[in-house]
Every structure is written in C-alpha cells, then in structure tokens.
C-alpha cells in the first residue's frame, strides 16, 4: 500500500486504544510537539511511559506492518504540513535517569534541563558542554550534538537500541560506535532506548559556573527566546553556515510566517502562524543563494520528515 494512502483503520484504532488507553491519539497535530510549532498530523501518536511500552508499540507496528516514526523533543526536526503516516512514538515519557558507578544512565526521553540539574545536584562533571542544547538524549545521540570542543562521542560509554526490523534489543559499547560530525552512524532507523555517559566527580559550584558560562554564550549568539528548530545547516569545512547565509544577503529574510533569524542566520524562526512550507522555502532559498555566490552546498542539519500533503479521504 503506498505511504500516501495509508491510514489507521478502525480495527487498528481499537487495538491501540485497548493496549494504550489515553496514551494514544489520532490525527494529532504534530505542531504541538515540535520546537518550531509547525507540522501536520500523525495518523496515530503514541506516548509510552516506559521502555516496555515502547517495545510493545514497536512489536505491534511490526506485526501489523504499520510505518513507525520516532519523535523526541521535536528539536532539529521539521514535520511537513501533510503530517506523518502510520504511527509516531513520542519518547518524552522515557525519562529514567540513574547514577551507576562512573556513569550516568539516561533513557532516550530525558531532557537537557533534567540532565543538567541531575549532574549539578550530584556533582557530576563531563556533560557541561551539552547544557542549553535543546532536545532529548535520543536526539543528542542521533545528531552527535555538541560544541566545537566536545561532542556526544566524547562522553558516551554505551547505547541501547531496538532493531527496527524485528524489535530486538542491542547494546553497543563505546569502541563499537562510529560518530561523524552531527551524526551517529547507528544502523538505519535504530530506535534508541537509553545511553550511558562517562562522568567524573567535581565541586557543584565549579560545574554550575561552567554551565552558566555556556548558557550565557548561547543566549548572546542564538535566538533562544524565539521558536526555532536549532541550527538549520551543518557548518561546511573551514567555514560557518550562518556567515555564508548572512554574506549572501539573507539574514532577516522572510517567507510567510517564517524568518531567517536576525541574530544568527543559521536559524529560522517562527514569527507566528508559520507553516512548514514557509521554512522549507527559506531553506531552499538559502541553499540556492550560497551555492550560486560561493559554490558551497549547504547540508541540512535539521531532520525533515513527513508528507507535503495529507492523504485524500476515500
């Protein structure tokens, strides 16, 4: 069945409702769950509260041949206006966070603010660089989030994920992981469950000082008080995407309700009532202008998913 014709039929709706009760909703607007506040509906949105529920959803989707998409904190994510067919799992409820000897063990839905607070309260150093990077652990790992001096690859001890084709659980140690700039080279469509991070003990006041310094730097250079999806493009070798877009004359450019940030040109912000199509138009415009003027191809960092148009009803 072609993806654009897929809907969650009555039998599947009943099955999901019986299994997950109020943890499932249908035709749910994903704009409520993305940092840009744009995006069409999910055929079915499921919100597991445990890794066991997460695994049960994966198994059901495999048994029923239903397409499956995972949505974390909704940062670095752009959902098209037509929404996403099949099932979308929101990992926000997977928030177990523990200290085990020399490492932090965090589920995929743990947020940046929760991790920063946990580290500070327990005097755990090593993850200060990630403070203020929006999103959840799952998203951080997928994109190898970080700053120029430090990334996820520098602190990860192990990850656990589900294989998308059979739902089996896999644990991979640090030495078996492969990272690139803004990318974890995990098996395609691996469904991240949790990660283990290496840490050291330190004075909480020193940890707080480092966190505050990084937060201040981020606030002064990025539009943290506006709706955005984070950095839109990866930085090309030896240069910065924001500098190139600004040099191409597009800083502050507007399309519909979206705008290339006047503070940092590698951010696109929602000025109110923006659509995904507005953001995509600015992405295309920036890529074209930079390519024409500097012969540099900008590579999107933001993950675009979903369909341009909702399926037609029978």
Protein backbone atom coordinates (compact mmCIF):
# COMPACT_ATOMS: atom_id res chain seq x y z
CA UNK A 1 0.00 0.00 0.00
CA UNK A 2 1.56 3.36 -0.95
CA UNK A 3 2.53 5.53 2.01
CA UNK A 4 0.25 8.39 0.93
CA UNK A 5 -2.81 6.10 1.03
CA UNK A 6 -2.11 4.63 4.47
CA UNK A 7 -4.49 5.37 7.32
CA UNK A 8 -5.04 3.77 10.70
CA UNK A 9 -8.23 1.78 10.14
CA UNK A 10 -10.96 1.11 12.72
CA UNK A 11 -9.53 -2.25 13.77
CA UNK A 12 -6.09 -0.76 14.46
CA UNK A 13 -7.60 2.17 16.32
CA UNK A 14 -9.44 -0.21 18.62
CA UNK A 15 -6.31 -2.31 19.11
CA UNK A 16 -4.19 0.72 20.06
CA UNK A 17 -6.91 2.07 22.35
CA UNK A 18 -7.24 -1.29 24.12
CA UNK A 19 -3.49 -1.57 24.57
CA UNK A 20 -2.59 2.02 25.46
CA UNK A 21 -5.77 3.85 26.51
CA UNK A 22 -5.21 7.59 26.83
CA UNK A 23 -1.58 7.19 25.70
CA UNK A 24 -2.77 7.14 22.07
CA UNK A 25 -4.47 9.83 19.97
CA UNK A 26 -5.38 10.00 16.29
CA UNK A 27 -4.96 12.75 13.69
CA UNK A 28 -2.87 14.53 16.32
CA UNK A 29 -1.25 17.81 15.14
CA UNK A 30 2.50 17.43 15.48
CA UNK A 31 2.93 21.19 15.61
CA UNK A 32 2.24 20.83 19.34
CA UNK A 33 5.34 18.66 19.73
CA UNK A 34 7.99 20.41 17.63
CA UNK A 35 10.09 23.39 18.69
CA UNK A 36 9.13 25.33 15.55
CA UNK A 37 5.41 24.73 16.27
CA UNK A 38 4.76 23.64 12.68
CA UNK A 39 3.79 20.31 11.15
CA UNK A 40 0.73 18.34 10.10
CA UNK A 41 -0.96 15.47 11.95
CA UNK A 42 0.21 11.99 12.83
CA UNK A 43 -2.20 9.23 11.85
CA UNK A 44 -1.61 7.87 15.36
CA UNK A 45 0.53 9.34 18.13
CA UNK A 46 1.57 7.07 20.98
CA UNK A 47 3.20 8.29 24.18
CA UNK A 48 4.81 5.37 26.05
CA UNK A 49 5.63 5.83 29.71
CA UNK A 50 8.24 3.08 29.90
CA UNK A 51 10.73 1.26 27.71
CA UNK A 52 8.48 -1.80 27.96
CA UNK A 53 5.57 0.13 26.43
CA UNK A 54 7.91 1.48 23.78
CA UNK A 55 8.95 -2.06 22.84
CA UNK A 56 5.33 -3.21 22.80
CA UNK A 57 4.42 -0.46 20.32
CA UNK A 58 7.34 -1.41 18.08
CA UNK A 59 6.30 -5.06 18.10
CA UNK A 60 2.67 -4.18 17.27
CA UNK A 61 3.73 -1.98 14.37
CA UNK A 62 5.93 -4.77 13.03
CA UNK A 63 3.12 -7.33 13.36
CA UNK A 64 0.62 -5.01 11.64
CA UNK A 65 3.08 -3.66 9.02
CA UNK A 66 2.43 -0.08 10.15
CA UNK A 67 5.13 2.54 9.38
CA UNK A 68 6.80 3.81 12.53
CA UNK A 69 8.45 7.17 13.25
CA UNK A 70 10.11 8.26 16.49
CA UNK A 71 9.82 11.84 17.71
CA UNK A 72 11.91 13.04 20.63
CA UNK A 73 11.83 16.60 21.91
CA UNK A 74 10.95 17.91 18.46
CA UNK A 75 14.14 19.97 18.11
CA UNK A 76 16.23 19.78 14.94
CA UNK A 77 13.05 18.37 13.42
CA UNK A 78 10.76 19.77 10.74
CA UNK A 79 7.49 17.95 10.13
CA UNK A 80 5.94 18.76 6.74
CA UNK A 81 2.44 20.23 6.56
CA UNK A 82 0.85 16.95 5.44
CA UNK A 83 1.96 15.19 8.61
CA UNK A 84 3.25 11.65 9.08
CA UNK A 85 1.54 8.46 8.01
CA UNK A 86 1.35 5.49 10.33
CA UNK A 87 2.42 5.61 13.98
CA UNK A 88 4.54 8.28 15.65
CA UNK A 89 6.08 7.41 19.01
CA UNK A 90 6.87 10.36 21.27
CA UNK A 91 9.68 9.40 23.66
CA UNK A 92 9.02 12.18 26.18
CA UNK A 93 7.83 9.66 28.78
CA UNK A 94 11.08 7.65 28.75
CA UNK A 95 12.80 9.68 31.46
CA UNK A 96 14.57 7.25 33.80
CA UNK A 97 17.86 8.77 34.95
CA UNK A 98 20.30 6.92 37.22
CA UNK A 99 23.84 7.10 38.54
CA UNK A 100 25.75 3.81 38.24
CA UNK A 101 29.36 3.92 39.46
CA UNK A 102 31.30 6.10 36.98
CA UNK A 103 28.45 6.78 34.58
CA UNK A 104 25.03 8.30 34.11
CA UNK A 105 22.39 6.04 32.55
CA UNK A 106 19.66 8.04 30.81
CA UNK A 107 16.65 6.96 28.76
CA UNK A 108 16.01 8.49 25.36
CA UNK A 109 13.38 10.97 26.55
CA UNK A 110 15.49 12.64 29.25
CA UNK A 111 15.68 16.37 28.51
CA UNK A 112 18.71 18.64 28.53
CA UNK A 113 17.43 20.58 31.54
CA UNK A 114 16.79 17.41 33.56
CA UNK A 115 20.26 16.07 32.83
CA UNK A 116 21.92 19.39 33.69
CA UNK A 117 20.05 19.59 37.01
CA UNK A 118 20.85 15.95 37.86
CA UNK A 119 24.55 16.47 37.12
CA UNK A 120 24.68 19.59 39.27
CA UNK A 121 22.84 18.04 42.22
CA UNK A 122 25.16 15.02 42.27
CA UNK A 123 28.42 16.84 41.48
CA UNK A 124 28.89 15.03 38.17
CA UNK A 125 31.17 16.62 35.57
CA UNK A 126 31.61 15.79 31.90
CA UNK A 127 28.35 16.88 30.32
CA UNK A 128 28.51 20.63 30.93
CA UNK A 129 29.11 21.24 27.22
CA UNK A 130 25.59 19.99 26.47
CA UNK A 131 23.81 22.45 28.75
CA UNK A 132 21.43 24.56 26.72
CA UNK A 133 21.49 22.25 23.71
CA UNK A 134 17.75 21.67 23.36
CA UNK A 135 16.10 18.31 22.91
CA UNK A 136 16.40 14.88 24.48
CA UNK A 137 19.09 12.23 24.88
CA UNK A 138 17.84 10.30 21.85
CA UNK A 139 18.12 13.32 19.60
CA UNK A 140 21.50 14.29 21.00
CA UNK A 141 22.88 10.87 20.17
CA UNK A 142 21.35 10.71 16.69
CA UNK A 143 22.97 14.03 15.74
CA UNK A 144 26.15 13.70 17.83
CA UNK A 145 25.24 17.02 19.45
CA UNK A 146 27.92 19.25 20.85
CA UNK A 147 30.05 22.35 20.62
CA UNK A 148 33.32 22.80 18.69
CA UNK A 149 35.42 21.43 21.55
CA UNK A 150 33.28 18.49 22.68
CA UNK A 151 30.53 16.20 21.35
CA UNK A 152 28.45 13.22 22.42
CA UNK A 153 31.08 10.87 21.03
CA UNK A 154 33.50 12.09 23.71
CA UNK A 155 31.31 11.06 26.65
CA UNK A 156 29.22 8.07 25.52
CA UNK A 157 30.12 4.75 27.15
CA UNK A 158 27.37 2.64 25.53
CA UNK A 159 23.96 2.84 23.88
CA UNK A 160 20.96 0.53 23.78
CA UNK A 161 18.52 0.46 20.88
CA UNK A 162 15.87 -1.65 19.19
CA UNK A 163 16.36 -3.05 15.72
CA UNK A 164 13.55 -1.62 13.59
CA UNK A 165 13.06 -4.84 11.61
CA UNK A 166 12.48 -7.28 14.46
CA UNK A 167 12.30 -5.20 17.65
CA UNK A 168 15.20 -6.99 19.31
CA UNK A 169 17.31 -5.04 21.80
CA UNK A 170 21.01 -4.36 21.20
CA UNK A 171 23.69 -2.87 23.45
CA UNK A 172 26.78 -1.37 21.82
CA UNK A 173 29.88 -0.27 23.68
CA UNK A 174 31.84 2.90 23.04
CA UNK A 175 34.51 1.15 20.97
CA UNK A 176 31.89 -0.24 18.58
CA UNK A 177 30.21 3.11 17.91
CA UNK A 178 31.04 5.29 14.94
CA UNK A 179 30.37 9.02 15.02
CA UNK A 180 30.73 11.74 12.41
CA UNK A 181 30.07 15.46 12.53
CA UNK A 182 26.44 15.75 13.66
CA UNK A 183 25.74 12.07 13.10
CA UNK A 184 25.80 8.75 14.92
CA UNK A 185 26.33 6.01 12.37
CA UNK A 186 23.93 3.61 14.02
CA UNK A 187 22.09 1.02 11.95
CA UNK A 188 19.48 2.68 9.77
CA UNK A 189 16.36 3.61 11.73
CA UNK A 190 17.74 2.23 15.01
CA UNK A 191 15.27 3.06 17.79
CA UNK A 192 17.32 4.44 20.69
CA UNK A 193 16.28 3.41 24.19
CA UNK A 194 19.00 4.71 26.52
CA UNK A 195 22.64 5.71 26.80
CA UNK A 196 25.44 5.53 29.33
CA UNK A 197 27.70 8.58 29.79
CA UNK A 198 31.13 8.70 31.42
CA UNK A 199 31.43 11.26 34.20
CA UNK A 200 33.76 12.41 36.98
CA UNK A 201 33.04 13.87 40.41
CA UNK A 202 33.57 17.62 40.83
CA UNK A 203 32.58 20.56 43.01
CA UNK A 204 28.98 21.55 42.16
CA UNK A 205 29.92 25.25 42.24
CA UNK A 206 32.53 24.65 39.52
CA UNK A 207 30.01 22.69 37.45
CA UNK A 208 27.43 25.47 37.87
CA UNK A 209 29.95 28.09 36.76
CA UNK A 210 30.75 26.17 33.58
CA UNK A 211 27.06 25.62 32.84
CA UNK A 212 26.24 29.29 33.32
CA UNK A 213 29.12 30.40 31.10
CA UNK A 214 27.94 28.18 28.24
CA UNK A 215 24.30 29.23 28.68
CA UNK A 216 25.27 32.90 28.57
CA UNK A 217 27.29 32.39 25.39
CA UNK A 218 24.41 30.57 23.73
CA UNK A 219 21.87 33.21 24.73
CA UNK A 220 24.03 36.02 23.36
CA UNK A 221 24.53 34.43 19.95
CA UNK A 222 21.37 32.40 19.23
CA UNK A 223 17.63 33.22 19.16
CA UNK A 224 16.85 31.11 22.21
CA UNK A 225 13.77 33.21 23.05
CA UNK A 226 12.11 32.54 19.68
CA UNK A 227 10.57 29.41 18.19
CA UNK A 228 13.19 27.66 16.05
CA UNK A 229 14.42 24.18 15.20
CA UNK A 230 18.02 24.91 16.16
CA UNK A 231 20.82 25.09 13.59
CA UNK A 232 19.39 24.53 10.12
CA UNK A 233 22.61 23.57 8.32
CA UNK A 234 25.83 21.86 9.31
CA UNK A 235 28.91 24.03 9.04
CA UNK A 236 30.90 23.36 5.85
CA UNK A 237 34.60 22.56 6.36
CA UNK A 238 36.53 25.66 7.35
CA UNK A 239 33.50 27.95 7.41
CA UNK A 240 30.17 28.63 9.11
CA UNK A 241 26.74 28.26 7.54
CA UNK A 242 25.45 31.35 9.32
CA UNK A 243 28.27 33.51 7.97
CA UNK A 244 27.65 32.30 4.41
CA UNK A 245 23.88 32.91 4.59
CA UNK A 246 24.44 36.38 6.01
CA UNK A 247 27.06 37.15 3.34
CA UNK A 248 24.53 36.06 0.71
CA UNK A 249 22.25 38.84 1.98
CA UNK A 250 19.56 36.63 3.53
CA UNK A 251 19.84 37.47 7.22
CA UNK A 252 16.34 38.53 8.25
CA UNK A 253 14.72 37.23 5.04
CA UNK A 254 11.02 36.39 5.44
CA UNK A 255 8.71 33.87 3.80
CA UNK A 256 5.17 33.71 5.13
CA UNK A 257 5.36 33.35 8.90
CA UNK A 258 9.00 32.19 8.92
CA UNK A 259 12.17 34.26 9.01
CA UNK A 260 15.91 33.69 8.82
CA UNK A 261 16.97 34.94 12.24
CA UNK A 262 18.27 38.48 12.53
CA UNK A 263 20.55 37.31 15.36
CA UNK A 264 22.07 34.18 13.76
CA UNK A 265 21.50 33.40 10.08
CA UNK A 266 21.75 29.63 10.58
CA UNK A 267 18.46 29.71 12.48
CA UNK A 268 14.95 30.00 11.05
CA UNK A 269 12.33 31.28 13.45
CA UNK A 270 8.55 31.13 13.52
CA UNK A 271 7.25 34.71 13.70
CA UNK A 272 3.75 33.38 14.30
CA UNK A 273 1.44 31.28 12.12
CA UNK A 274 4.32 29.84 10.07
CA UNK A 275 3.85 26.67 8.04
CA UNK A 276 6.45 24.01 7.33
CA UNK A 277 6.30 25.08 3.68
CA UNK A 278 7.48 28.57 4.72
CA UNK A 279 10.50 27.11 6.49
CA UNK A 280 11.28 24.78 3.58
CA UNK A 281 11.11 27.72 1.18
CA UNK A 282 13.71 29.62 3.23
CA UNK A 283 15.91 26.52 3.44
CA UNK A 284 15.80 26.17 -0.36
CA UNK A 285 16.44 29.88 -0.85
CA UNK A 286 19.48 29.87 1.45
CA UNK A 287 20.97 26.80 -0.23
CA UNK A 288 20.48 28.26 -3.69
CA UNK A 289 21.95 31.66 -2.79
CA UNK A 290 25.04 30.23 -1.06
CA UNK A 291 25.63 27.78 -3.92
CA UNK A 292 25.35 30.50 -6.55
CA UNK A 293 27.51 33.05 -4.75
CA UNK A 294 30.13 30.86 -3.10
CA UNK A 295 29.86 27.48 -4.86
CA UNK A 296 29.28 25.81 -1.49
CA UNK A 297 26.48 23.31 -0.97
CA UNK A 298 24.88 23.69 2.43
CA UNK A 299 23.86 20.39 4.02
CA UNK A 300 20.74 20.48 6.23
CA UNK A 301 21.23 19.56 9.86
CA UNK A 302 17.52 19.73 10.58
CA UNK A 303 15.76 16.43 10.00
CA UNK A 304 12.80 16.84 7.65
CA UNK A 305 10.06 14.20 7.87
CA UNK A 306 6.53 13.58 6.73
CA UNK A 307 4.45 14.41 3.67
CA UNK A 308 3.77 17.72 1.92
CA UNK A 309 0.05 16.95 1.70
CA UNK A 310 -2.35 14.93 3.83
CA UNK A 311 -3.79 11.80 2.19
CA UNK A 312 -7.07 12.16 0.39
CA UNK A 313 -10.01 10.62 2.17
CA UNK A 314 -11.74 7.78 0.37
